[in-house]
Amino acid sequence: MAAFGSRRLALSVKDYLLFSFRGRSQLMRMTVSPCSTTTSPSSTTPSPSQTESKEADVYNASEVEQLLIKQSKMDMPVEMPNPYEREKLQCILCNYKVHLDYKNVRLLSQFVSPFTGQIYGRHITRLCRRQQSILEREIQKSRDAGFMPVMLKSVDFLKDPKLFDPNNPVRPHKY
């Protein structure tokens, strides 16, 4: 009895796999379960083509298992990067390996507000913590040495290209 059930299961699994591999355009081969009780009187002696098809219906369990494993591998999810992950923002000074110096007034003035003379914060300049602290120290050193004005930005550097957009900070500021 168990042999009939396992053969029936193997046949139905193979039929499913054949149908799923060949696609929907071809007809699925229908199997007759071996435990069917209805027999017609004319089919008491099997023809040679029927015996060949019955022998062809016997499948090796390892074959069916290999087909199942192959099918399950095709259904596995595809490896891909997270589409919702944000790009890692990298500090512009670290990215281009720029060394800050108190005598380079043109570069330092890019990080100073033209209206108030205050140093822009990290959320606006998008610098890393280390570079922001170095920048603040170098700007203060340059102001103490007299290279940069304290209360405003020098008029010579007002038309320089912008390294960042002060109106579009990473996070909103307090005012």
Protein backbone atom coordinates (compact mmCIF):
# COMPACT_ATOMS: atom_id res chain seq x y z
CA MET A 1 0.00 0.00 0.00
CA ALA A 2 2.84 2.36 0.84
CA ALA A 3 4.47 1.61 -2.50
CA PHE A 4 1.36 2.77 -4.32
CA GLY A 5 1.25 6.01 -2.32
CA SER A 6 4.91 6.83 -2.85
CA ARG A 7 4.66 6.04 -6.57
CA ARG A 8 1.58 8.24 -6.81
CA LEU A 9 3.37 11.05 -5.01
CA ALA A 10 6.42 10.68 -7.24
CA LEU A 11 4.25 10.78 -10.35
CA SER A 12 2.39 13.88 -9.25
CA VAL A 13 5.64 15.65 -8.26
CA LYS A 14 7.28 14.81 -11.58
CA ASP A 15 4.18 15.95 -13.49
CA TYR A 16 4.26 19.22 -11.56
CA LEU A 17 7.94 19.68 -12.30
CA LEU A 18 7.50 18.84 -15.97
CA PHE A 19 4.65 21.30 -16.22
CA SER A 20 6.56 24.06 -14.42
CA PHE A 21 9.73 23.50 -16.50
CA ARG A 22 8.06 23.39 -19.90
CA GLY A 23 5.81 26.34 -19.29
CA ARG A 24 2.10 26.81 -19.64
CA SER A 25 2.01 26.63 -23.44
CA GLN A 26 2.29 22.83 -23.44
CA LEU A 27 -0.36 20.53 -22.09
CA MET A 28 0.24 19.03 -18.70
CA ARG A 29 0.38 15.26 -18.75
CA MET A 30 -2.41 13.87 -16.63
CA THR A 31 -1.78 10.73 -14.62
CA VAL A 32 -4.24 8.13 -13.53
CA SER A 33 -3.83 7.14 -9.93
CA PRO A 34 -2.94 3.48 -9.43
CA CYS A 35 -5.63 3.06 -6.81
CA SER A 36 -8.52 3.85 -9.18
CA THR A 37 -11.29 1.29 -8.84
CA THR A 38 -13.03 1.78 -12.18
CA THR A 39 -11.86 -0.48 -14.97
CA SER A 40 -13.52 -1.07 -18.27
CA PRO A 41 -13.97 -4.65 -19.52
CA SER A 42 -12.20 -3.91 -22.78
CA SER A 43 -9.01 -2.87 -21.00
CA THR A 44 -8.32 -6.19 -19.23
CA THR A 45 -5.37 -6.99 -21.49
CA PRO A 46 -2.94 -4.10 -21.73
CA SER A 47 -1.56 -3.18 -25.11
CA PRO A 48 2.23 -2.93 -25.62
CA SER A 49 2.11 0.88 -25.64
CA GLN A 50 0.36 0.89 -22.24
CA THR A 51 2.98 -1.37 -20.65
CA GLU A 52 5.77 0.88 -21.96
CA SER A 53 4.11 3.98 -20.52
CA LYS A 54 3.68 2.26 -17.14
CA GLU A 55 7.37 1.36 -17.09
CA ALA A 56 8.26 4.93 -18.02
CA ASP A 57 6.16 6.21 -15.12
CA VAL A 58 8.40 4.51 -12.55
CA TYR A 59 10.86 7.12 -11.34
CA ASN A 60 13.93 6.92 -9.24
CA ALA A 61 13.50 8.74 -5.91
CA SER A 62 16.93 10.36 -6.21
CA GLU A 63 15.96 11.78 -9.64
CA VAL A 64 12.83 13.33 -8.22
CA GLU A 65 14.78 14.68 -5.27
CA GLN A 66 17.38 16.23 -7.60
CA LEU A 67 14.60 17.84 -9.65
CA LEU A 68 13.02 19.23 -6.49
CA ILE A 69 16.35 20.65 -5.31
CA LYS A 70 16.95 22.21 -8.73
CA GLN A 71 13.47 23.76 -8.71
CA SER A 72 13.87 25.10 -5.18
CA LYS A 73 17.21 26.71 -6.06
CA MET A 74 15.53 28.53 -8.95
CA ASP A 75 12.96 29.93 -6.50
CA MET A 76 15.53 31.38 -4.10
CA PRO A 77 15.66 35.17 -3.71
CA VAL A 78 18.20 37.07 -5.78
CA GLU A 79 21.08 38.78 -3.98
CA MET A 80 20.91 42.54 -4.48
CA PRO A 81 21.90 45.66 -2.55
CA ASN A 82 19.34 47.40 -0.39
CA PRO A 83 17.56 49.93 -2.63
CA TYR A 84 16.47 52.01 0.37
CA GLU A 85 19.93 52.41 1.86
CA ARG A 86 21.20 55.96 1.65
CA GLU A 87 24.55 56.77 0.16
CA LYS A 88 27.20 57.26 2.79
CA LEU A 89 28.05 60.95 2.86
CA GLN A 90 31.79 61.47 2.84
CA CYS A 91 33.51 64.61 3.95
CA ILE A 92 34.68 66.64 0.94
CA LEU A 93 38.05 67.39 2.53
CA CYS A 94 38.70 63.74 3.41
CA ASN A 95 37.49 62.61 -0.02
CA TYR A 96 40.00 64.80 -1.88
CA LYS A 97 42.66 64.61 0.89
CA VAL A 98 42.81 68.40 1.28
CA HIS A 99 45.13 69.71 4.00
CA LEU A 100 43.78 72.83 5.72
CA ASP A 101 46.22 75.66 6.35
CA TYR A 102 45.59 79.02 8.03
CA LYS A 103 47.32 80.84 5.13
CA ASN A 104 44.87 79.46 2.53
CA VAL A 105 42.25 82.18 3.03
CA ARG A 106 40.36 81.43 -0.16
CA LEU A 107 39.54 77.87 0.96
CA LEU A 108 38.80 78.83 4.56
CA SER A 109 36.45 81.63 3.49
CA GLN A 110 34.21 79.05 1.77
CA PHE A 111 33.12 77.85 5.22
CA VAL A 112 32.28 81.33 6.57
CA SER A 113 28.92 83.09 6.21
CA PRO A 114 29.17 86.18 3.95
CA PHE A 115 26.60 88.07 6.05
CA THR A 116 27.65 87.39 9.64
CA GLY A 117 31.20 86.08 9.36
CA GLN A 118 30.26 83.03 11.45
CA ILE A 119 31.61 79.57 10.66
CA TYR A 120 28.99 77.24 9.21
CA GLY A 121 28.17 74.17 11.31
CA ARG A 122 28.78 70.55 10.42
CA HIS A 123 25.18 69.96 9.39
CA ILE A 124 25.63 72.59 6.65
CA THR A 125 29.23 72.01 5.55
CA ARG A 126 28.87 68.19 5.66
CA LEU A 127 32.37 67.85 7.06
CA CYS A 128 33.37 65.08 9.41
CA ARG A 129 33.90 65.88 13.08
CA ARG A 130 37.69 65.84 12.81
CA GLN A 131 37.85 68.12 9.76
CA GLN A 132 35.29 70.53 11.25
CA SER A 133 37.37 70.96 14.40
CA ILE A 134 40.55 71.46 12.32
CA LEU A 135 38.66 73.98 10.15
CA GLU A 136 37.49 76.00 13.15
CA ARG A 137 41.01 76.04 14.59
CA GLU A 138 42.58 77.11 11.28
CA ILE A 139 39.98 79.87 10.72
CA GLN A 140 40.63 81.21 14.21
CA LYS A 141 44.38 81.06 13.60
CA SER A 142 43.94 82.91 10.29
CA ARG A 143 41.79 85.60 11.95
CA ASP A 144 44.33 86.03 14.75
CA ALA A 145 47.11 86.37 12.17
CA GLY A 146 45.10 89.00 10.30
CA PHE A 147 44.57 87.07 7.06
CA MET A 148 40.75 86.87 7.40
CA PRO A 149 38.20 89.44 8.59
CA VAL A 150 36.26 88.54 11.74
CA MET A 151 32.81 90.05 11.21
CA LEU A 152 32.19 89.36 7.50
CA LYS A 153 33.50 87.50 4.49
CA SER A 154 36.09 89.20 2.32
CA VAL A 155 34.61 90.76 -0.85
CA ASP A 156 37.31 89.14 -2.99
CA PHE A 157 35.89 85.67 -2.32
CA LEU A 158 32.15 86.32 -2.69
CA LYS A 159 31.99 84.99 -6.27
CA ASP A 160 33.95 81.80 -5.61
CA PRO A 161 32.23 78.50 -6.45
CA LYS A 162 30.28 76.96 -3.57
CA LEU A 163 31.48 73.75 -1.97
CA PHE A 164 28.07 73.18 -0.37
CA ASP A 165 24.59 74.71 -0.28
CA PRO A 166 23.97 76.62 2.99
CA ASN A 167 20.23 76.69 2.27
CA ASN A 168 20.01 72.89 2.09
CA PRO A 169 21.48 71.44 5.33
CA VAL A 170 21.66 67.73 6.14
CA ARG A 171 19.42 68.28 9.16
CA PRO A 172 17.39 71.39 9.93
CA HIS A 173 19.08 73.99 12.12
CA LYS A 174 17.56 75.71 15.16
CA TYR A 175 16.52 78.97 13.40
